[in-house]
């Protein structure tokens, strides 16, 4: 049975930088391993997405599976479901408030008509 899983977006440049920093890896060594300049690595760290082939190379160079960051986790799914339920609840509350406002507007219109009728009736009585 297949379930609908949502993948949360990942800022891959930030994640690569995090691993480089955590491991205290030298940027020059990473650049050399990948066959790019240090400025090329710095540009890569500013990207929010990356080519999968390049990500395989980086994963191998840093000995870290960056692809696992894209896997949905139960925690992410639970948080997403909770947020979706909150949005549905808020939408329902807004619909109820809208219906209440529509009913109030209808009642105001009804009372305004009744008020005008009473004023007209009062004017007739005053003339007698």
Protein backbone atom coordinates (compact mmCIF):
# COMPACT_ATOMS: atom_id res chain seq x y z
CA UNK A 1 0.00 0.00 0.00
CA UNK A 2 1.41 3.34 -1.06
CA UNK A 3 1.12 6.40 1.18
CA UNK A 4 1.35 10.00 0.11
CA UNK A 5 4.60 11.32 1.48
CA UNK A 6 5.67 14.90 1.26
CA UNK A 7 9.32 15.82 0.91
CA UNK A 8 10.23 18.98 2.79
CA UNK A 9 12.45 21.40 0.81
CA UNK A 10 16.12 21.39 1.80
CA UNK A 11 18.58 24.26 1.40
CA UNK A 12 21.39 21.98 0.29
CA UNK A 13 24.09 24.66 0.32
CA UNK A 14 23.43 25.33 4.00
CA UNK A 15 23.45 21.60 4.75
CA UNK A 16 26.76 21.04 2.96
CA UNK A 17 28.25 23.99 4.84
CA UNK A 18 26.95 22.52 8.12
CA UNK A 19 28.71 19.20 7.49
CA UNK A 20 31.94 20.89 6.37
CA UNK A 21 31.88 22.99 9.56
CA UNK A 22 30.96 20.09 11.84
CA UNK A 23 33.78 17.98 10.47
CA UNK A 24 36.18 20.95 10.43
CA UNK A 25 36.96 20.03 6.85
CA UNK A 26 39.35 22.26 4.93
CA UNK A 27 37.59 24.01 2.01
CA UNK A 28 40.69 23.71 -0.14
CA UNK A 29 40.75 19.95 0.37
CA UNK A 30 37.05 19.68 -0.54
CA UNK A 31 37.60 21.84 -3.63
CA UNK A 32 40.58 19.71 -4.70
CA UNK A 33 38.60 16.46 -4.20
CA UNK A 34 35.75 17.80 -6.32
CA UNK A 35 38.06 19.32 -8.93
CA UNK A 36 36.80 22.86 -8.44
CA UNK A 37 38.21 26.08 -7.02
CA UNK A 38 37.55 27.29 -3.48
CA UNK A 39 35.38 30.05 -4.95
CA UNK A 40 33.46 27.29 -6.78
CA UNK A 41 32.80 25.62 -3.42
CA UNK A 42 31.72 28.96 -1.95
CA UNK A 43 29.26 29.48 -4.83
CA UNK A 44 27.97 25.93 -4.33
CA UNK A 45 27.32 26.67 -0.64
CA UNK A 46 25.05 29.56 -1.66
CA UNK A 47 22.81 27.32 -3.77
CA UNK A 48 19.47 26.05 -2.52
CA UNK A 49 19.46 23.11 -4.95
CA UNK A 50 22.06 21.07 -6.78
CA UNK A 51 22.51 18.56 -9.59
CA UNK A 52 22.21 15.00 -8.26
CA UNK A 53 25.51 13.89 -9.84
CA UNK A 54 27.29 16.74 -8.08
CA UNK A 55 25.55 15.83 -4.83
CA UNK A 56 26.83 12.24 -5.17
CA UNK A 57 30.38 13.59 -5.56
CA UNK A 58 29.99 15.87 -2.55
CA UNK A 59 28.45 13.07 -0.49
CA UNK A 60 31.44 10.86 -1.31
CA UNK A 61 33.96 13.63 -0.66
CA UNK A 62 32.47 14.48 2.75
CA UNK A 63 31.48 10.91 3.61
CA UNK A 64 27.90 12.03 4.29
CA UNK A 65 24.67 10.94 2.57
CA UNK A 66 23.02 14.27 1.73
CA UNK A 67 20.20 12.42 -0.03
CA UNK A 68 18.78 11.31 3.32
CA UNK A 69 17.91 14.96 4.00
CA UNK A 70 15.25 14.65 1.30
CA UNK A 71 13.61 11.57 2.77
CA UNK A 72 10.32 12.24 4.53
CA UNK A 73 10.42 11.27 8.16
CA UNK A 74 7.50 10.36 10.36
CA UNK A 75 8.19 13.48 12.43
CA UNK A 76 8.00 15.71 9.34
CA UNK A 77 4.83 13.96 8.19
CA UNK A 78 3.23 14.28 11.64
CA UNK A 79 4.11 17.98 11.77
CA UNK A 80 2.72 18.48 8.27
CA UNK A 81 -0.52 16.67 9.17
CA UNK A 82 -0.82 18.75 12.33
CA UNK A 83 -0.34 21.97 10.36
CA UNK A 84 -2.85 20.84 7.72
CA UNK A 85 -5.41 20.07 10.45
CA UNK A 86 -4.83 23.47 12.04
CA UNK A 87 -5.41 25.13 8.67
CA UNK A 88 -8.61 23.13 8.16
CA UNK A 89 -9.80 24.11 11.64
CA UNK A 90 -9.04 27.77 10.98
CA UNK A 91 -10.82 27.58 7.64
CA UNK A 92 -13.88 26.07 9.35
CA UNK A 93 -13.84 28.79 11.99
CA UNK A 94 -13.62 31.46 9.30
CA UNK A 95 -16.52 29.90 7.40
CA UNK A 96 -18.60 29.87 10.60
CA UNK A 97 -17.74 33.50 11.31
CA UNK A 98 -18.62 34.41 7.73
CA UNK A 99 -21.99 32.68 8.08
CA UNK A 100 -22.60 34.51 11.35
CA UNK A 101 -21.78 37.83 9.70
CA UNK A 102 -24.08 37.08 6.78
CA UNK A 103 -26.88 36.25 9.23
CA UNK A 104 -26.21 39.45 11.20
CA UNK A 105 -26.29 41.50 7.98
CA UNK A 106 -29.57 39.86 7.03
CA UNK A 107 -31.03 40.61 10.47
CA UNK A 108 -29.82 44.23 10.34
CA UNK A 109 -31.50 44.68 6.96
CA UNK A 110 -34.67 43.14 8.35
CA UNK A 111 -34.62 45.42 11.40
CA UNK A 112 -33.93 48.50 9.27
CA UNK A 113 -37.03 47.70 7.19
CA UNK A 114 -39.06 47.14 10.33
CA UNK A 115 -37.75 50.37 11.80
CA UNK A 116 -38.73 52.32 8.70
CA UNK A 117 -42.17 50.74 8.75
CA UNK A 118 -42.58 51.72 12.43
CA UNK A 119 -41.49 55.29 11.69
CA UNK A 120 -43.96 55.49 8.84
CA UNK A 121 -46.68 54.08 11.09
CA UNK A 122 -45.76 56.59 13.80
CA UNK A 123 -46.02 59.46 11.31
CA UNK A 124 -49.49 58.28 10.31
CA UNK A 125 -50.57 58.11 13.94
CA UNK A 126 -49.21 61.56 14.65
CA UNK A 127 -51.37 63.02 11.87
CA UNK A 128 -54.56 61.68 13.43
